[in-house]
Amino acid sequence: MGKAVRLYWGYIAVGALVVAWGQRWSLPIVASLSVAVTAYASFQVPVWCGAVNRDGKTYCRNNAYGVLMGCRNRQHRWQKIKMIVLRSKAGDFSRTVFPSAKEKFNAVLAVGGLLSAIAAVIVPVVTGG
C-alpha cells in the first residue's frame, strides 16, 4: 500500500484540487495543490521513457518518472527537456512526450495543474476577492 501511495500520490492531489476549486478553498491551498499536480505529472508520475533511440525511428520503452524526464540511460535523461528548447525538435518532442494514452493523460494533468495555478492567482485579482 505504501509504494502505491508513494508512486500515485499525484492523483490524490488532482482529486483534492478539483474539490478545492469546487468548494472555493483559499488561494494558498489551491495554488499549492496546482503546483503539486504540475510537479508530479512533469517529474514523478511512472511512465515510459519515450526518448528517441539511436536508430531515430523507434522510441525507448524503459520505465521513467515524469513526462519530461527520461529513463536510466544517460543519453535519455534530459533528451525531452532539450527538445523543448530546440525549436527544430518540436515534432520529435510531441512524439516523445506523448507516445501513449497514459502519457497524454499525464501531460494534460501537468498543463491543467499549471493553468490552475495561474488561475488561482489571477481570479482573485480580477474578481477583487
N, C-alpha and C. Protein backbone atom coordinates (compact mmCIF):
# COMPACT_ATOMS: atom_id res chain seq x y z
N MET A 1 0.82 -1.20 0.00
CA MET A 1 0.00 0.00 0.00
C MET A 1 0.86 1.26 0.00
N GLY A 2 1.97 1.25 0.78
CA GLY A 2 2.83 2.42 0.87
C GLY A 2 3.47 2.79 -0.44
N LYS A 3 3.90 1.76 -1.22
CA LYS A 3 4.55 2.03 -2.50
C LYS A 3 3.55 2.63 -3.49
N ALA A 4 2.32 2.13 -3.48
CA ALA A 4 1.30 2.66 -4.38
C ALA A 4 1.01 4.13 -4.07
N VAL A 5 0.92 4.46 -2.80
CA VAL A 5 0.67 5.85 -2.43
C VAL A 5 1.85 6.73 -2.82
N ARG A 6 3.08 6.22 -2.62
CA ARG A 6 4.28 6.98 -2.97
C ARG A 6 4.35 7.23 -4.48
N LEU A 7 3.95 6.24 -5.28
CA LEU A 7 4.02 6.39 -6.74
C LEU A 7 2.87 7.21 -7.32
N TYR A 8 1.69 7.13 -6.71
CA TYR A 8 0.50 7.72 -7.33
C TYR A 8 -0.16 8.81 -6.48
N TRP A 9 0.58 9.44 -5.57
CA TRP A 9 0.01 10.47 -4.71
C TRP A 9 -0.51 11.65 -5.53
N GLY A 10 0.01 11.87 -6.70
CA GLY A 10 -0.41 13.00 -7.52
C GLY A 10 -1.86 12.91 -7.95
N TYR A 11 -2.37 11.70 -8.13
CA TYR A 11 -3.78 11.56 -8.49
C TYR A 11 -4.68 11.93 -7.32
N ILE A 12 -4.22 11.71 -6.10
CA ILE A 12 -4.95 12.16 -4.92
C ILE A 12 -4.96 13.69 -4.89
N ALA A 13 -3.81 14.29 -5.24
CA ALA A 13 -3.73 15.75 -5.30
C ALA A 13 -4.65 16.32 -6.39
N VAL A 14 -4.79 15.60 -7.51
CA VAL A 14 -5.71 16.04 -8.57
C VAL A 14 -7.14 16.07 -8.03
N GLY A 15 -7.53 15.00 -7.34
CA GLY A 15 -8.87 14.95 -6.74
C GLY A 15 -9.08 16.07 -5.73
N ALA A 16 -8.07 16.31 -4.91
CA ALA A 16 -8.17 17.40 -3.92
C ALA A 16 -8.25 18.75 -4.61
N LEU A 17 -7.53 18.92 -5.73
CA LEU A 17 -7.58 20.17 -6.47
C LEU A 17 -8.97 20.42 -7.05
N VAL A 18 -9.58 19.38 -7.58
CA VAL A 18 -10.95 19.52 -8.11
C VAL A 18 -11.91 19.92 -6.99
N VAL A 19 -11.79 19.28 -5.83
CA VAL A 19 -12.63 19.63 -4.68
C VAL A 19 -12.33 21.06 -4.23
N ALA A 20 -11.05 21.44 -4.22
CA ALA A 20 -10.66 22.78 -3.78
C ALA A 20 -11.30 23.85 -4.65
N TRP A 21 -11.30 23.65 -5.97
CA TRP A 21 -11.94 24.63 -6.84
C TRP A 21 -13.45 24.61 -6.66
N GLY A 22 -14.04 23.42 -6.51
CA GLY A 22 -15.49 23.32 -6.34
C GLY A 22 -15.98 23.92 -5.03
N GLN A 23 -15.20 23.78 -3.97
CA GLN A 23 -15.59 24.29 -2.65
C GLN A 23 -15.04 25.69 -2.38
N ARG A 24 -14.29 26.24 -3.35
CA ARG A 24 -13.70 27.58 -3.23
C ARG A 24 -12.81 27.69 -1.99
N TRP A 25 -11.85 26.77 -1.90
CA TRP A 25 -10.88 26.82 -0.80
C TRP A 25 -9.99 28.04 -0.98
N SER A 26 -9.19 28.33 0.01
CA SER A 26 -8.35 29.53 -0.01
C SER A 26 -7.29 29.45 -1.11
N LEU A 27 -6.83 30.63 -1.51
CA LEU A 27 -5.83 30.76 -2.58
C LEU A 27 -4.56 29.96 -2.32
N PRO A 28 -3.96 30.02 -1.13
CA PRO A 28 -2.71 29.26 -0.93
C PRO A 28 -2.90 27.75 -1.08
N ILE A 29 -4.03 27.23 -0.68
CA ILE A 29 -4.28 25.79 -0.82
C ILE A 29 -4.43 25.41 -2.28
N VAL A 30 -5.21 26.17 -3.03
CA VAL A 30 -5.42 25.88 -4.45
C VAL A 30 -4.10 26.02 -5.22
N ALA A 31 -3.35 27.06 -4.93
CA ALA A 31 -2.07 27.26 -5.62
C ALA A 31 -1.09 26.14 -5.27
N SER A 32 -1.04 25.73 -4.01
CA SER A 32 -0.14 24.64 -3.60
C SER A 32 -0.51 23.32 -4.27
N LEU A 33 -1.79 23.02 -4.30
CA LEU A 33 -2.24 21.79 -4.97
C LEU A 33 -1.94 21.85 -6.46
N SER A 34 -2.12 23.00 -7.07
CA SER A 34 -1.85 23.16 -8.50
C SER A 34 -0.38 22.91 -8.81
N VAL A 35 0.50 23.49 -8.01
CA VAL A 35 1.93 23.30 -8.20
C VAL A 35 2.31 21.83 -7.96
N ALA A 36 1.70 21.21 -6.95
CA ALA A 36 1.99 19.80 -6.66
C ALA A 36 1.58 18.91 -7.82
N VAL A 37 0.41 19.15 -8.40
CA VAL A 37 -0.07 18.34 -9.54
C VAL A 37 0.86 18.53 -10.74
N THR A 38 1.25 19.76 -11.02
CA THR A 38 2.14 20.03 -12.15
C THR A 38 3.49 19.35 -11.95
N ALA A 39 4.05 19.48 -10.76
CA ALA A 39 5.35 18.87 -10.48
C ALA A 39 5.27 17.35 -10.55
N TYR A 40 4.22 16.77 -10.01
CA TYR A 40 4.05 15.32 -10.04
C TYR A 40 3.98 14.80 -11.47
N ALA A 41 3.12 15.41 -12.28
CA ALA A 41 2.95 14.94 -13.66
C ALA A 41 4.21 15.19 -14.50
N SER A 42 4.92 16.25 -14.23
CA SER A 42 6.11 16.58 -15.02
C SER A 42 7.33 15.75 -14.64
N PHE A 43 7.48 15.43 -13.34
CA PHE A 43 8.73 14.84 -12.89
C PHE A 43 8.63 13.54 -12.09
N GLN A 44 7.43 13.08 -11.72
CA GLN A 44 7.38 11.91 -10.85
C GLN A 44 6.45 10.79 -11.29
N VAL A 45 5.45 11.04 -12.08
CA VAL A 45 4.49 10.00 -12.45
C VAL A 45 5.21 8.88 -13.23
N PRO A 46 4.93 7.60 -12.91
CA PRO A 46 5.56 6.50 -13.63
C PRO A 46 5.05 6.40 -15.07
N VAL A 47 5.96 6.48 -16.04
CA VAL A 47 5.61 6.42 -17.47
C VAL A 47 6.73 5.69 -18.22
N TRP A 48 6.53 5.49 -19.52
CA TRP A 48 7.60 5.01 -20.38
C TRP A 48 8.52 6.18 -20.69
N CYS A 49 9.76 5.89 -20.99
CA CYS A 49 10.74 6.93 -21.30
C CYS A 49 10.32 7.70 -22.56
N GLY A 50 10.18 7.03 -23.67
CA GLY A 50 9.74 7.66 -24.90
C GLY A 50 10.81 8.44 -25.65
N ALA A 51 12.05 8.43 -25.18
CA ALA A 51 13.13 9.14 -25.88
C ALA A 51 13.44 8.44 -27.20
N VAL A 52 13.92 9.20 -28.17
CA VAL A 52 14.24 8.65 -29.48
C VAL A 52 15.48 7.75 -29.34
N ASN A 53 15.40 6.53 -29.86
CA ASN A 53 16.54 5.62 -29.84
C ASN A 53 17.56 6.02 -30.90
N ARG A 54 18.69 5.36 -30.89
CA ARG A 54 19.79 5.72 -31.81
C ARG A 54 19.43 5.54 -33.28
N ASP A 55 18.50 4.64 -33.57
CA ASP A 55 18.11 4.45 -34.98
C ASP A 55 17.27 5.62 -35.50
N GLY A 56 16.77 6.47 -34.59
CA GLY A 56 15.99 7.64 -34.98
C GLY A 56 14.56 7.35 -35.37
N LYS A 57 14.15 6.09 -35.32
CA LYS A 57 12.80 5.72 -35.74
C LYS A 57 11.95 5.16 -34.62
N THR A 58 12.59 4.57 -33.63
CA THR A 58 11.85 3.96 -32.53
C THR A 58 12.05 4.75 -31.26
N TYR A 59 11.20 4.47 -30.27
CA TYR A 59 11.24 5.18 -29.01
C TYR A 59 11.51 4.22 -27.86
N CYS A 60 12.20 4.70 -26.87
CA CYS A 60 12.59 3.90 -25.71
C CYS A 60 11.34 3.49 -24.91
N ARG A 61 11.29 2.24 -24.51
CA ARG A 61 10.15 1.72 -23.74
C ARG A 61 10.52 1.41 -22.29
N ASN A 62 11.68 1.90 -21.83
CA ASN A 62 12.08 1.71 -20.43
C ASN A 62 11.19 2.54 -19.52
N ASN A 63 11.11 2.14 -18.25
CA ASN A 63 10.35 2.90 -17.27
C ASN A 63 11.07 4.20 -16.94
N ALA A 64 10.29 5.25 -16.73
CA ALA A 64 10.83 6.55 -16.36
C ALA A 64 9.86 7.20 -15.38
N TYR A 65 10.24 8.34 -14.86
CA TYR A 65 9.38 9.08 -13.95
C TYR A 65 9.18 10.49 -14.48
N GLY A 66 7.92 10.86 -14.71
CA GLY A 66 7.57 12.19 -15.20
C GLY A 66 7.57 12.26 -16.71
N VAL A 67 6.61 13.01 -17.27
CA VAL A 67 6.51 13.11 -18.72
C VAL A 67 7.66 13.90 -19.33
N LEU A 68 8.39 14.66 -18.53
CA LEU A 68 9.51 15.43 -19.05
C LEU A 68 10.86 14.77 -18.86
N MET A 69 10.93 13.67 -18.13
CA MET A 69 12.21 13.05 -17.81
C MET A 69 12.40 11.75 -18.59
N GLY A 70 13.64 11.35 -18.76
CA GLY A 70 13.98 10.11 -19.44
C GLY A 70 14.23 8.98 -18.46
N CYS A 71 14.68 7.85 -18.98
CA CYS A 71 14.93 6.66 -18.17
C CYS A 71 16.33 6.67 -17.58
N ARG A 72 16.80 5.49 -17.20
CA ARG A 72 18.12 5.37 -16.56
C ARG A 72 19.28 5.59 -17.52
N ASN A 73 19.04 5.52 -18.82
CA ASN A 73 20.10 5.76 -19.81
C ASN A 73 20.51 7.23 -19.78
N ARG A 74 21.80 7.45 -19.66
CA ARG A 74 22.32 8.81 -19.52
C ARG A 74 21.88 9.70 -20.68
N GLN A 75 21.88 9.16 -21.88
CA GLN A 75 21.53 9.96 -23.06
C GLN A 75 20.05 10.37 -23.05
N HIS A 76 19.21 9.59 -22.39
CA HIS A 76 17.77 9.85 -22.41
C HIS A 76 17.32 10.79 -21.29
N ARG A 77 18.14 10.95 -20.26
CA ARG A 77 17.70 11.67 -19.06
C ARG A 77 17.18 13.06 -19.35
N TRP A 78 17.89 13.81 -20.18
CA TRP A 78 17.48 15.19 -20.43
C TRP A 78 17.07 15.41 -21.88
N GLN A 79 16.91 14.36 -22.65
CA GLN A 79 16.59 14.50 -24.07
C GLN A 79 15.26 15.23 -24.27
N LYS A 80 14.25 14.91 -23.49
CA LYS A 80 12.95 15.55 -23.67
C LYS A 80 13.01 17.04 -23.31
N ILE A 81 13.70 17.37 -22.24
CA ILE A 81 13.79 18.78 -21.86
C ILE A 81 14.57 19.57 -22.91
N LYS A 82 15.62 18.98 -23.48
CA LYS A 82 16.38 19.64 -24.53
C LYS A 82 15.49 19.90 -25.74
N MET A 83 14.57 18.99 -26.02
CA MET A 83 13.69 19.15 -27.19
C MET A 83 12.75 20.33 -27.02
N ILE A 84 12.43 20.71 -25.79
CA ILE A 84 11.58 21.88 -25.57
C ILE A 84 12.32 23.14 -26.03
N VAL A 85 13.60 23.20 -25.74
CA VAL A 85 14.41 24.39 -26.03
C VAL A 85 14.73 24.51 -27.51
N LEU A 86 15.02 23.39 -28.17
CA LEU A 86 15.39 23.41 -29.58
C LEU A 86 14.14 23.42 -30.45
N ARG A 87 13.90 24.51 -31.14
CA ARG A 87 12.69 24.67 -31.94
C ARG A 87 12.59 23.64 -33.06
N SER A 88 13.69 23.23 -33.62
CA SER A 88 13.66 22.29 -34.75
C SER A 88 13.21 20.90 -34.31
N LYS A 89 13.14 20.68 -33.02
CA LYS A 89 12.77 19.36 -32.49
C LYS A 89 11.34 19.32 -31.96
N ALA A 90 10.50 20.28 -32.32
CA ALA A 90 9.15 20.35 -31.77
C ALA A 90 8.33 19.10 -32.11
N GLY A 91 8.43 18.60 -33.34
CA GLY A 91 7.68 17.40 -33.72
C GLY A 91 8.17 16.18 -32.97
N ASP A 92 9.49 16.07 -32.82
CA ASP A 92 10.04 14.96 -32.04
C ASP A 92 9.61 15.05 -30.59
N PHE A 93 9.53 16.27 -30.05
CA PHE A 93 9.13 16.45 -28.67
C PHE A 93 7.72 15.92 -28.44
N SER A 94 6.80 16.25 -29.33
CA SER A 94 5.42 15.79 -29.15
C SER A 94 5.32 14.27 -29.22
N ARG A 95 6.13 13.63 -30.05
CA ARG A 95 6.11 12.17 -30.14
C ARG A 95 6.76 11.52 -28.93
N THR A 96 7.77 12.16 -28.34
CA THR A 96 8.43 11.54 -27.19
C THR A 96 7.67 11.78 -25.89
N VAL A 97 7.03 12.93 -25.76
CA VAL A 97 6.28 13.21 -24.53
C VAL A 97 4.95 12.48 -24.54
N PHE A 98 4.38 12.26 -25.71
CA PHE A 98 3.06 11.65 -25.80
C PHE A 98 3.06 10.33 -26.57
N PRO A 99 3.91 9.33 -26.23
CA PRO A 99 3.93 8.10 -27.01
C PRO A 99 2.70 7.21 -26.79
N SER A 100 2.01 7.35 -25.67
CA SER A 100 0.83 6.51 -25.42
C SER A 100 -0.25 7.33 -24.72
N ALA A 101 -1.41 6.73 -24.55
CA ALA A 101 -2.53 7.42 -23.91
C ALA A 101 -2.22 7.81 -22.47
N LYS A 102 -1.47 6.97 -21.76
CA LYS A 102 -1.11 7.29 -20.37
C LYS A 102 -0.29 8.56 -20.30
N GLU A 103 0.68 8.73 -21.19
CA GLU A 103 1.49 9.93 -21.19
C GLU A 103 0.67 11.16 -21.60
N LYS A 104 -0.26 10.98 -22.53
CA LYS A 104 -1.12 12.09 -22.92
C LYS A 104 -1.96 12.56 -21.74
N PHE A 105 -2.51 11.61 -21.00
CA PHE A 105 -3.32 11.94 -19.84
C PHE A 105 -2.49 12.69 -18.80
N ASN A 106 -1.28 12.19 -18.53
CA ASN A 106 -0.42 12.84 -17.54
C ASN A 106 0.05 14.21 -18.01
N ALA A 107 0.25 14.39 -19.30
CA ALA A 107 0.62 15.71 -19.82
C ALA A 107 -0.55 16.68 -19.65
N VAL A 108 -1.76 16.19 -19.86
CA VAL A 108 -2.95 17.03 -19.63
C VAL A 108 -3.02 17.43 -18.16
N LEU A 109 -2.70 16.49 -17.25
CA LEU A 109 -2.67 16.82 -15.82
C LEU A 109 -1.64 17.91 -15.54
N ALA A 110 -0.46 17.80 -16.14
CA ALA A 110 0.59 18.80 -15.91
C ALA A 110 0.15 20.17 -16.40
N VAL A 111 -0.41 20.24 -17.59
CA VAL A 111 -0.87 21.51 -18.14
C VAL A 111 -2.05 22.03 -17.33
N GLY A 112 -2.96 21.14 -16.95
CA GLY A 112 -4.11 21.55 -16.13
C GLY A 112 -3.68 22.10 -14.79
N GLY A 113 -2.70 21.47 -14.17
CA GLY A 113 -2.19 21.97 -12.89
C GLY A 113 -1.56 23.34 -13.04
N LEU A 114 -0.81 23.52 -14.13
CA LEU A 114 -0.19 24.82 -14.39
C LEU A 114 -1.25 25.89 -14.63
N LEU A 115 -2.26 25.59 -15.43
CA LEU A 115 -3.34 26.55 -15.67
C LEU A 115 -4.11 26.84 -14.39
N SER A 116 -4.29 25.83 -13.56
CA SER A 116 -4.97 26.03 -12.29
C SER A 116 -4.18 26.95 -11.38
N ALA A 117 -2.86 26.79 -11.35
CA ALA A 117 -2.02 27.68 -10.53
C ALA A 117 -2.11 29.12 -11.02
N ILE A 118 -2.10 29.30 -12.33
CA ILE A 118 -2.23 30.64 -12.89
C ILE A 118 -3.59 31.23 -12.56
N ALA A 119 -4.64 30.42 -12.72
CA ALA A 119 -6.00 30.89 -12.43
C ALA A 119 -6.17 31.20 -10.94
N ALA A 120 -5.52 30.42 -10.08
CA ALA A 120 -5.64 30.66 -8.64
C ALA A 120 -5.08 32.02 -8.25
N VAL A 121 -4.12 32.51 -9.02
CA VAL A 121 -3.55 33.82 -8.73
C VAL A 121 -4.34 34.93 -9.43
N ILE A 122 -4.80 34.70 -10.65
CA ILE A 122 -5.46 35.73 -11.45
C ILE A 122 -6.90 35.95 -11.04
N VAL A 123 -7.66 34.90 -10.77
CA VAL A 123 -9.10 35.03 -10.46
C VAL A 123 -9.35 35.96 -9.27
N PRO A 124 -8.64 35.80 -8.14
CA PRO A 124 -8.89 36.74 -7.02
C PRO A 124 -8.53 38.19 -7.37
N VAL A 125 -7.54 38.38 -8.21
CA VAL A 125 -7.16 39.75 -8.61
C VAL A 125 -8.25 40.37 -9.47
N VAL A 126 -8.80 39.61 -10.40
CA VAL A 126 -9.82 40.11 -11.31
C VAL A 126 -11.15 40.33 -10.59
N THR A 127 -11.52 39.39 -9.73
CA THR A 127 -12.82 39.49 -9.05
C THR A 127 -12.76 40.34 -7.78
N GLY A 128 -11.56 40.69 -7.37
CA GLY A 128 -11.42 41.53 -6.17
C GLY A 128 -11.64 40.76 -4.88
N GLY A 129 -11.54 39.44 -4.95
CA GLY A 129 -11.81 38.62 -3.75
C GLY A 129 -10.62 37.93 -3.34
